[in-house]
């Protein structure tokens, strides 16, 4: 079960008789990793990489940029030229 530890969420689970702990920015990511570890153990697979539990696409990154940074860009014409390169 994921628990909050300060600003992050920590996943804590036993895998192959060893405690595994990883920190994530959100509760959903922590719980997704825990679920992936449980499935891996049941199926006899290696411990899953935490970065693989939630894959972000390039489109997600670009959308996030335009939502958070773009409104504060003063020279949008120059920025558009840089993005087009």
PDB file of N, CA and C in Angstrom:
ATOM      1  N   UNK A   1       0.829  -1.179   0.000  1.00  0.00           N
ATOM      2  CA  UNK A   1       0.000   0.000   0.000  1.00  0.00           C
ATOM      3  C   UNK A   1       0.878   1.248   0.000  1.00  0.00           C
ATOM      4  N   UNK A   2       0.575   2.168  -0.873  1.00  0.00           N
ATOM      5  CA  UNK A   2       1.353   3.398  -0.979  1.00  0.00           C
ATOM      6  C   UNK A   2       1.020   4.325   0.190  1.00  0.00           C
ATOM      7  N   UNK A   3       2.041   5.035   0.657  1.00  0.00           N
ATOM      8  CA  UNK A   3       1.814   6.003   1.722  1.00  0.00           C
ATOM      9  C   UNK A   3       2.563   7.281   1.405  1.00  0.00           C
ATOM     10  N   UNK A   4       2.042   8.374   1.928  1.00  0.00           N
ATOM     11  CA  UNK A   4       2.663   9.660   1.658  1.00  0.00           C
ATOM     12  C   UNK A   4       3.784   9.901   2.649  1.00  0.00           C
ATOM     13  N   UNK A   5       4.934  10.295   2.108  1.00  0.00           N
ATOM     14  CA  UNK A   5       6.106  10.610   2.919  1.00  0.00           C
ATOM     15  C   UNK A   5       6.583  11.983   2.466  1.00  0.00           C
ATOM     16  N   UNK A   6       6.115  13.005   3.147  1.00  0.00           N
ATOM     17  CA  UNK A   6       6.436  14.373   2.736  1.00  0.00           C
ATOM     18  C   UNK A   6       5.727  14.676   1.423  1.00  0.00           C
ATOM     19  N   UNK A   7       6.447  15.219   0.450  1.00  0.00           N
ATOM     20  CA  UNK A   7       5.797  15.579  -0.817  1.00  0.00           C
ATOM     21  C   UNK A   7       5.661  14.416  -1.800  1.00  0.00           C
ATOM     22  N   UNK A   8       6.196  13.241  -1.462  1.00  0.00           N
ATOM     23  CA  UNK A   8       6.161  12.105  -2.397  1.00  0.00           C
ATOM     24  C   UNK A   8       5.362  10.942  -1.819  1.00  0.00           C
ATOM     25  N   UNK A   9       5.014  10.014  -2.692  1.00  0.00           N
ATOM     26  CA  UNK A   9       4.322   8.788  -2.299  1.00  0.00           C
ATOM     27  C   UNK A   9       5.318   7.646  -2.392  1.00  0.00           C
ATOM     28  N   UNK A  10       5.345   6.819  -1.361  1.00  0.00           N
ATOM     29  CA  UNK A  10       6.295   5.716  -1.320  1.00  0.00           C
ATOM     30  C   UNK A  10       5.558   4.387  -1.454  1.00  0.00           C
ATOM     31  N   UNK A  11       6.006   3.599  -2.424  1.00  0.00           N
ATOM     32  CA  UNK A  11       5.495   2.243  -2.597  1.00  0.00           C
ATOM     33  C   UNK A  11       6.413   1.318  -1.808  1.00  0.00           C
ATOM     34  N   UNK A  12       5.826   0.396  -1.087  1.00  0.00           N
ATOM     35  CA  UNK A  12       6.585  -0.496  -0.211  1.00  0.00           C
ATOM     36  C   UNK A  12       5.994  -1.896  -0.353  1.00  0.00           C
ATOM     37  N   UNK A  13       6.814  -2.849  -0.826  1.00  0.00           N
ATOM     38  CA  UNK A  13       6.299  -4.190  -1.089  1.00  0.00           C
ATOM     39  C   UNK A  13       7.420  -5.219  -0.925  1.00  0.00           C
ATOM     40  N   UNK A  14       7.051  -6.434  -0.567  1.00  0.00           N
ATOM     41  CA  UNK A  14       8.014  -7.531  -0.504  1.00  0.00           C
ATOM     42  C   UNK A  14       8.039  -8.247  -1.850  1.00  0.00           C
ATOM     43  N   UNK A  15       9.237  -8.431  -2.378  1.00  0.00           N
ATOM     44  CA  UNK A  15       9.422  -9.123  -3.650  1.00  0.00           C
ATOM     45  C   UNK A  15      10.577 -10.096  -3.471  1.00  0.00           C
ATOM     46  N   UNK A  16      10.315 -11.362  -3.670  1.00  0.00           N
ATOM     47  CA  UNK A  16      11.338 -12.390  -3.517  1.00  0.00           C
ATOM     48  C   UNK A  16      11.978 -12.320  -2.126  1.00  0.00           C
ATOM     49  N   UNK A  17      11.132 -12.129  -1.117  1.00  0.00           N
ATOM     50  CA  UNK A  17      11.533 -12.081   0.298  1.00  0.00           C
ATOM     51  C   UNK A  17      12.435 -10.898   0.643  1.00  0.00           C
ATOM     52  N   UNK A  18      12.419  -9.871  -0.195  1.00  0.00           N
ATOM     53  CA  UNK A  18      13.182  -8.656   0.086  1.00  0.00           C
ATOM     54  C   UNK A  18      12.260  -7.453  -0.060  1.00  0.00           C
ATOM     55  N   UNK A  19      12.399  -6.504   0.854  1.00  0.00           N
ATOM     56  CA  UNK A  19      11.580  -5.302   0.814  1.00  0.00           C
ATOM     57  C   UNK A  19      12.054  -4.390  -0.320  1.00  0.00           C
ATOM     58  N   UNK A  20      11.123  -3.921  -1.108  1.00  0.00           N
ATOM     59  CA  UNK A  20      11.405  -2.994  -2.198  1.00  0.00           C
ATOM     60  C   UNK A  20      10.637  -1.706  -1.922  1.00  0.00           C
ATOM     61  N   UNK A  21      11.337  -0.585  -1.978  1.00  0.00           N
ATOM     62  CA  UNK A  21      10.705   0.717  -1.768  1.00  0.00           C
ATOM     63  C   UNK A  21      11.109   1.650  -2.891  1.00  0.00           C
ATOM     64  N   UNK A  22      10.125   2.348  -3.417  1.00  0.00           N
ATOM     65  CA  UNK A  22      10.368   3.343  -4.454  1.00  0.00           C
ATOM     66  C   UNK A  22       9.485   4.541  -4.159  1.00  0.00           C
ATOM     67  N   UNK A  23       9.961   5.729  -4.503  1.00  0.00           N
ATOM     68  CA  UNK A  23       9.192   6.957  -4.303  1.00  0.00           C
ATOM     69  C   UNK A  23       8.675   7.471  -5.634  1.00  0.00           C
ATOM     70  N   UNK A  24       7.466   8.020  -5.604  1.00  0.00           N
ATOM     71  CA  UNK A  24       6.795   8.520  -6.801  1.00  0.00           C
ATOM     72  C   UNK A  24       6.130   9.854  -6.490  1.00  0.00           C
ATOM     73  N   UNK A  25       5.925  10.685  -7.509  1.00  0.00           N
ATOM     74  CA  UNK A  25       5.280  11.981  -7.263  1.00  0.00           C
ATOM     75  C   UNK A  25       3.784  11.884  -6.962  1.00  0.00           C
ATOM     76  N   UNK A  26       3.125  10.809  -7.409  1.00  0.00           N
ATOM     77  CA  UNK A  26       1.682  10.688  -7.174  1.00  0.00           C
ATOM     78  C   UNK A  26       1.342   9.329  -6.568  1.00  0.00           C
ATOM     79  N   UNK A  27       0.205   9.287  -5.910  1.00  0.00           N
ATOM     80  CA  UNK A  27      -0.267   8.043  -5.314  1.00  0.00           C
ATOM     81  C   UNK A  27      -0.575   7.012  -6.390  1.00  0.00           C
ATOM     82  N   UNK A  28      -1.148   7.452  -7.501  1.00  0.00           N
ATOM     83  CA  UNK A  28      -1.509   6.531  -8.572  1.00  0.00           C
ATOM     84  C   UNK A  28      -0.276   5.834  -9.149  1.00  0.00           C
ATOM     85  N   UNK A  29       0.814   6.564  -9.332  1.00  0.00           N
ATOM     86  CA  UNK A  29       2.047   5.954  -9.847  1.00  0.00           C
ATOM     87  C   UNK A  29       2.602   4.930  -8.859  1.00  0.00           C
ATOM     88  N   UNK A  30       2.579   5.266  -7.579  1.00  0.00           N
ATOM     89  CA  UNK A  30       3.086   4.342  -6.554  1.00  0.00           C
ATOM     90  C   UNK A  30       2.258   3.061  -6.528  1.00  0.00           C
ATOM     91  N   UNK A  31       0.940   3.207  -6.569  1.00  0.00           N
ATOM     92  CA  UNK A  31       0.083   2.030  -6.551  1.00  0.00           C
ATOM     93  C   UNK A  31       0.209   1.218  -7.841  1.00  0.00           C
ATOM     94  N   UNK A  32       0.418   1.879  -8.961  1.00  0.00           N
ATOM     95  CA  UNK A  32       0.609   1.160 -10.233  1.00  0.00           C
ATOM     96  C   UNK A  32       1.890   0.328 -10.179  1.00  0.00           C
ATOM     97  N   UNK A  33       2.945   0.880  -9.592  1.00  0.00           N
ATOM     98  CA  UNK A  33       4.201   0.131  -9.490  1.00  0.00           C
ATOM     99  C   UNK A  33       4.037  -1.061  -8.553  1.00  0.00           C
ATOM    100  N   UNK A  34       3.350  -0.848  -7.437  1.00  0.00           N
ATOM    101  CA  UNK A  34       3.108  -1.965  -6.520  1.00  0.00           C
ATOM    102  C   UNK A  34       2.353  -3.092  -7.227  1.00  0.00           C
ATOM    103  N   UNK A  35       1.338  -2.738  -7.979  1.00  0.00           N
ATOM    104  CA  UNK A  35       0.556  -3.739  -8.718  1.00  0.00           C
ATOM    105  C   UNK A  35       1.431  -4.464  -9.740  1.00  0.00           C
ATOM    106  N   UNK A  36       2.296  -3.719 -10.416  1.00  0.00           N
ATOM    107  CA  UNK A  36       3.194  -4.337 -11.395  1.00  0.00           C
ATOM    108  C   UNK A  36       4.160  -5.307 -10.722  1.00  0.00           C
ATOM    109  N   UNK A  37       4.629  -4.970  -9.517  1.00  0.00           N
ATOM    110  CA  UNK A  37       5.528  -5.860  -8.772  1.00  0.00           C
ATOM    111  C   UNK A  37       4.790  -7.132  -8.367  1.00  0.00           C
ATOM    112  N   UNK A  38       3.556  -6.974  -7.896  1.00  0.00           N
ATOM    113  CA  UNK A  38       2.769  -8.163  -7.513  1.00  0.00           C
ATOM    114  C   UNK A  38       2.563  -9.094  -8.707  1.00  0.00           C
ATOM    115  N   UNK A  39       2.207  -8.530  -9.852  1.00  0.00           N
ATOM    116  CA  UNK A  39       1.991  -9.346 -11.056  1.00  0.00           C
ATOM    117  C   UNK A  39       3.290 -10.022 -11.495  1.00  0.00           C
ATOM    118  N   UNK A  40       4.397  -9.302 -11.404  1.00  0.00           N
ATOM    119  CA  UNK A  40       5.689  -9.872 -11.798  1.00  0.00           C
ATOM    120  C   UNK A  40       6.051 -11.048 -10.895  1.00  0.00           C
ATOM    121  N   UNK A  41       5.804 -10.916  -9.607  1.00  0.00           N
ATOM    122  CA  UNK A  41       6.138 -11.996  -8.677  1.00  0.00           C
ATOM    123  C   UNK A  41       5.276 -13.231  -8.939  1.00  0.00           C
ATOM    124  N   UNK A  42       3.994 -13.022  -9.174  1.00  0.00           N
ATOM    125  CA  UNK A  42       3.092 -14.145  -9.439  1.00  0.00           C
ATOM    126  C   UNK A  42       3.492 -14.875 -10.722  1.00  0.00           C
ATOM    127  N   UNK A  43       3.907 -14.105 -11.733  1.00  0.00           N
ATOM    128  CA  UNK A  43       4.254 -14.687 -13.034  1.00  0.00           C
ATOM    129  C   UNK A  43       5.727 -15.081 -13.141  1.00  0.00           C
ATOM    130  N   UNK A  44       6.504 -14.880 -12.077  1.00  0.00           N
ATOM    131  CA  UNK A  44       7.914 -15.257 -12.095  1.00  0.00           C
ATOM    132  C   UNK A  44       8.776 -14.359 -12.954  1.00  0.00           C
ATOM    133  N   UNK A  45       8.393 -13.111 -13.106  1.00  0.00           N
ATOM    134  CA  UNK A  45       9.136 -12.152 -13.927  1.00  0.00           C
ATOM    135  C   UNK A  45      10.069 -11.319 -13.056  1.00  0.00           C
ATOM    136  N   UNK A  46      11.074 -10.660 -13.660  1.00  0.00           N
ATOM    137  CA  UNK A  46      11.967  -9.806 -12.872  1.00  0.00           C
ATOM    138  C   UNK A  46      11.230  -8.561 -12.355  1.00  0.00           C
ATOM    139  N   UNK A  47      11.842  -7.926 -11.389  1.00  0.00           N
ATOM    140  CA  UNK A  47      11.282  -6.719 -10.794  1.00  0.00           C
ATOM    141  C   UNK A  47      11.097  -5.651 -11.867  1.00  0.00           C
ATOM    142  N   UNK A  48       9.899  -5.075 -11.984  1.00  0.00           N
ATOM    143  CA  UNK A  48       9.667  -4.068 -13.025  1.00  0.00           C
ATOM    144  C   UNK A  48      10.378  -2.755 -12.731  1.00  0.00           C
ATOM    145  N   UNK A  49      10.797  -2.097 -13.796  1.00  0.00           N
ATOM    146  CA  UNK A  49      11.437  -0.791 -13.704  1.00  0.00           C
ATOM    147  C   UNK A  49      10.358   0.242 -13.372  1.00  0.00           C
ATOM    148  N   UNK A  50      10.557   1.070 -12.334  1.00  0.00           N
ATOM    149  CA  UNK A  50       9.520   2.033 -11.965  1.00  0.00           C
ATOM    150  C   UNK A  50       9.174   3.006 -13.084  1.00  0.00           C
ATOM    151  N   UNK A  51      10.124   3.319 -13.941  1.00  0.00           N
ATOM    152  CA  UNK A  51       9.842   4.277 -15.019  1.00  0.00           C
ATOM    153  C   UNK A  51       8.942   3.671 -16.095  1.00  0.00           C
ATOM    154  N   UNK A  52       8.777   2.360 -16.106  1.00  0.00           N
ATOM    155  CA  UNK A  52       7.959   1.714 -17.120  1.00  0.00           C
ATOM    156  C   UNK A  52       6.506   1.556 -16.715  1.00  0.00           C
ATOM    157  N   UNK A  53       6.159   1.880 -15.467  1.00  0.00           N
ATOM    158  CA  UNK A  53       4.776   1.693 -15.040  1.00  0.00           C
ATOM    159  C   UNK A  53       3.846   2.720 -15.656  1.00  0.00           C
ATOM    160  N   UNK A  54       4.353   3.879 -15.942  1.00  0.00           N
ATOM    161  CA  UNK A  54       3.540   4.888 -16.613  1.00  0.00           C
ATOM    162  C   UNK A  54       4.413   5.556 -17.651  1.00  0.00           C
ATOM    163  N   UNK A  55       4.107   5.295 -18.907  1.00  0.00           N
ATOM    164  CA  UNK A  55       4.909   5.844 -19.987  1.00  0.00           C
ATOM    165  C   UNK A  55       4.293   7.141 -20.494  1.00  0.00           C
ATOM    166  N   UNK A  56       5.105   8.168 -20.560  1.00  0.00           N
ATOM    167  CA  UNK A  56       4.666   9.437 -21.123  1.00  0.00           C
ATOM    168  C   UNK A  56       5.141   9.508 -22.571  1.00  0.00           C
ATOM    169  N   UNK A  57       4.304  10.016 -23.417  1.00  0.00           N
ATOM    170  CA  UNK A  57       4.674  10.163 -24.820  1.00  0.00           C
ATOM    171  C   UNK A  57       5.264  11.542 -25.052  1.00  0.00           C
ATOM    172  N   UNK A  58       5.871  11.712 -26.210  1.00  0.00           N
ATOM    173  CA  UNK A  58       6.388  13.019 -26.585  1.00  0.00           C
ATOM    174  C   UNK A  58       5.243  14.023 -26.628  1.00  0.00           C
ATOM    175  N   UNK A  59       4.095  13.579 -27.116  1.00  0.00           N
ATOM    176  CA  UNK A  59       2.931  14.459 -27.192  1.00  0.00           C
ATOM    177  C   UNK A  59       2.539  14.946 -25.799  1.00  0.00           C
ATOM    178  N   UNK A  60       2.580  14.067 -24.792  1.00  0.00           N
ATOM    179  CA  UNK A  60       2.267  14.472 -23.425  1.00  0.00           C
ATOM    180  C   UNK A  60       3.229  15.557 -22.939  1.00  0.00           C
ATOM    181  N   UNK A  61       4.508  15.392 -23.254  1.00  0.00           N
ATOM    182  CA  UNK A  61       5.512  16.371 -22.839  1.00  0.00           C
ATOM    183  C   UNK A  61       5.297  17.719 -23.518  1.00  0.00           C
ATOM    184  N   UNK A  62       5.002  17.691 -24.808  1.00  0.00           N
ATOM    185  CA  UNK A  62       4.764  18.933 -25.547  1.00  0.00           C
ATOM    186  C   UNK A  62       3.510  19.623 -25.018  1.00  0.00           C
ATOM    187  N   UNK A  63       2.463  18.867 -24.784  1.00  0.00           N
ATOM    188  CA  UNK A  63       1.240  19.447 -24.235  1.00  0.00           C
ATOM    189  C   UNK A  63       1.499  20.097 -22.878  1.00  0.00           C
ATOM    190  N   UNK A  64       2.261  19.422 -22.045  1.00  0.00           N
ATOM    191  CA  UNK A  64       2.580  19.968 -20.730  1.00  0.00           C
ATOM    192  C   UNK A  64       3.377  21.265 -20.870  1.00  0.00           C
ATOM    193  N   UNK A  65       4.318  21.287 -21.820  1.00  0.00           N
ATOM    194  CA  UNK A  65       5.112  22.500 -22.056  1.00  0.00           C
ATOM    195  C   UNK A  65       4.211  23.664 -22.446  1.00  0.00           C
ATOM    196  N   UNK A  66       3.326  23.418 -23.410  1.00  0.00           N
ATOM    197  CA  UNK A  66       2.477  24.499 -23.887  1.00  0.00           C
ATOM    198  C   UNK A  66       1.480  24.967 -22.832  1.00  0.00           C
ATOM    199  N   UNK A  67       1.082  24.096 -21.946  1.00  0.00           N
ATOM    200  CA  UNK A  67       0.164  24.501 -20.877  1.00  0.00           C
ATOM    201  C   UNK A  67       0.872  25.270 -19.765  1.00  0.00           C
ATOM    202  N   UNK A  68       2.118  24.897 -19.444  1.00  0.00           N
ATOM    203  CA  UNK A  68       2.774  25.495 -18.292  1.00  0.00           C
ATOM    204  C   UNK A  68       3.777  26.603 -18.634  1.00  0.00           C
ATOM    205  N   UNK A  69       4.462  26.503 -19.749  1.00  0.00           N
ATOM    206  CA  UNK A  69       5.524  27.462 -20.076  1.00  0.00           C
ATOM    207  C   UNK A  69       5.082  28.473 -21.130  1.00  0.00           C
ATOM    208  N   UNK A  70       4.424  28.014 -22.157  1.00  0.00           N
ATOM    209  CA  UNK A  70       4.104  28.845 -23.300  1.00  0.00           C
ATOM    210  C   UNK A  70       3.383  30.147 -22.942  1.00  0.00           C
ATOM    211  N   UNK A  71       2.448  30.178 -22.018  1.00  0.00           N
ATOM    212  CA  UNK A  71       1.768  31.444 -21.713  1.00  0.00           C
ATOM    213  C   UNK A  71       2.717  32.542 -21.215  1.00  0.00           C
ATOM    214  N   UNK A  72       3.889  32.170 -20.723  1.00  0.00           N
ATOM    215  CA  UNK A  72       4.827  33.148 -20.162  1.00  0.00           C
ATOM    216  C   UNK A  72       5.947  33.540 -21.126  1.00  0.00           C
ATOM    217  N   UNK A  73       5.955  32.989 -22.332  1.00  0.00           N
ATOM    218  CA  UNK A  73       6.980  33.324 -23.324  1.00  0.00           C
ATOM    219  C   UNK A  73       6.648  34.697 -23.900  1.00  0.00           C
ATOM    220  N   UNK A  74       7.613  35.615 -23.841  1.00  0.00           N
ATOM    221  CA  UNK A  74       7.363  36.977 -24.307  1.00  0.00           C
ATOM    222  C   UNK A  74       7.507  37.096 -25.823  1.00  0.00           C
ATOM    223  N   UNK A  75       8.507  36.453 -26.393  1.00  0.00           N
ATOM    224  CA  UNK A  75       8.735  36.557 -27.831  1.00  0.00           C
ATOM    225  C   UNK A  75       8.273  35.273 -28.501  1.00  0.00           C
ATOM    226  N   UNK A  76       6.977  35.146 -28.679  1.00  0.00           N
ATOM    227  CA  UNK A  76       6.397  33.928 -29.246  1.00  0.00           C
ATOM    228  C   UNK A  76       6.852  33.690 -30.680  1.00  0.00           C
ATOM    229  N   UNK A  77       7.092  34.760 -31.453  1.00  0.00           N
ATOM    230  CA  UNK A  77       7.549  34.577 -32.830  1.00  0.00           C
ATOM    231  C   UNK A  77       8.942  33.933 -32.854  1.00  0.00           C
ATOM    232  N   UNK A  78       9.839  34.362 -31.965  1.00  0.00           N
ATOM    233  CA  UNK A  78      11.168  33.777 -31.883  1.00  0.00           C
ATOM    234  C   UNK A  78      11.077  32.331 -31.388  1.00  0.00           C
ATOM    235  N   UNK A  79      10.236  32.084 -30.411  1.00  0.00           N
ATOM    236  CA  UNK A  79      10.085  30.739 -29.862  1.00  0.00           C
ATOM    237  C   UNK A  79       9.557  29.776 -30.926  1.00  0.00           C
ATOM    238  N   UNK A  80       8.618  30.232 -31.752  1.00  0.00           N
ATOM    239  CA  UNK A  80       8.092  29.372 -32.809  1.00  0.00           C
ATOM    240  C   UNK A  80       9.180  28.971 -33.803  1.00  0.00           C
ATOM    241  N   UNK A  81      10.073  29.917 -34.113  1.00  0.00           N
ATOM    242  CA  UNK A  81      11.187  29.608 -35.010  1.00  0.00           C
ATOM    243  C   UNK A  81      12.093  28.548 -34.407  1.00  0.00           C
ATOM    244  N   UNK A  82      12.341  28.632 -33.104  1.00  0.00           N
ATOM    245  CA  UNK A  82      13.211  27.676 -32.430  1.00  0.00           C
ATOM    246  C   UNK A  82      12.574  26.280 -32.393  1.00  0.00           C
ATOM    247  N   UNK A  83      11.277  26.224 -32.200  1.00  0.00           N
ATOM    248  CA  UNK A  83      10.581  24.938 -32.153  1.00  0.00           C
ATOM    249  C   UNK A  83      10.568  24.290 -33.525  1.00  0.00           C
ATOM    250  N   UNK A  84      10.448  25.104 -34.576  1.00  0.00           N
ATOM    251  CA  UNK A  84      10.371  24.579 -35.946  1.00  0.00           C
ATOM    252  C   UNK A  84      11.693  23.947 -36.377  1.00  0.00           C
ATOM    253  N   UNK A  85      12.796  24.294 -35.746  1.00  0.00           N
ATOM    254  CA  UNK A  85      14.101  23.759 -36.159  1.00  0.00           C
ATOM    255  C   UNK A  85      14.240  22.316 -35.815  1.00  0.00           C
TER     256      UNK A  85
END
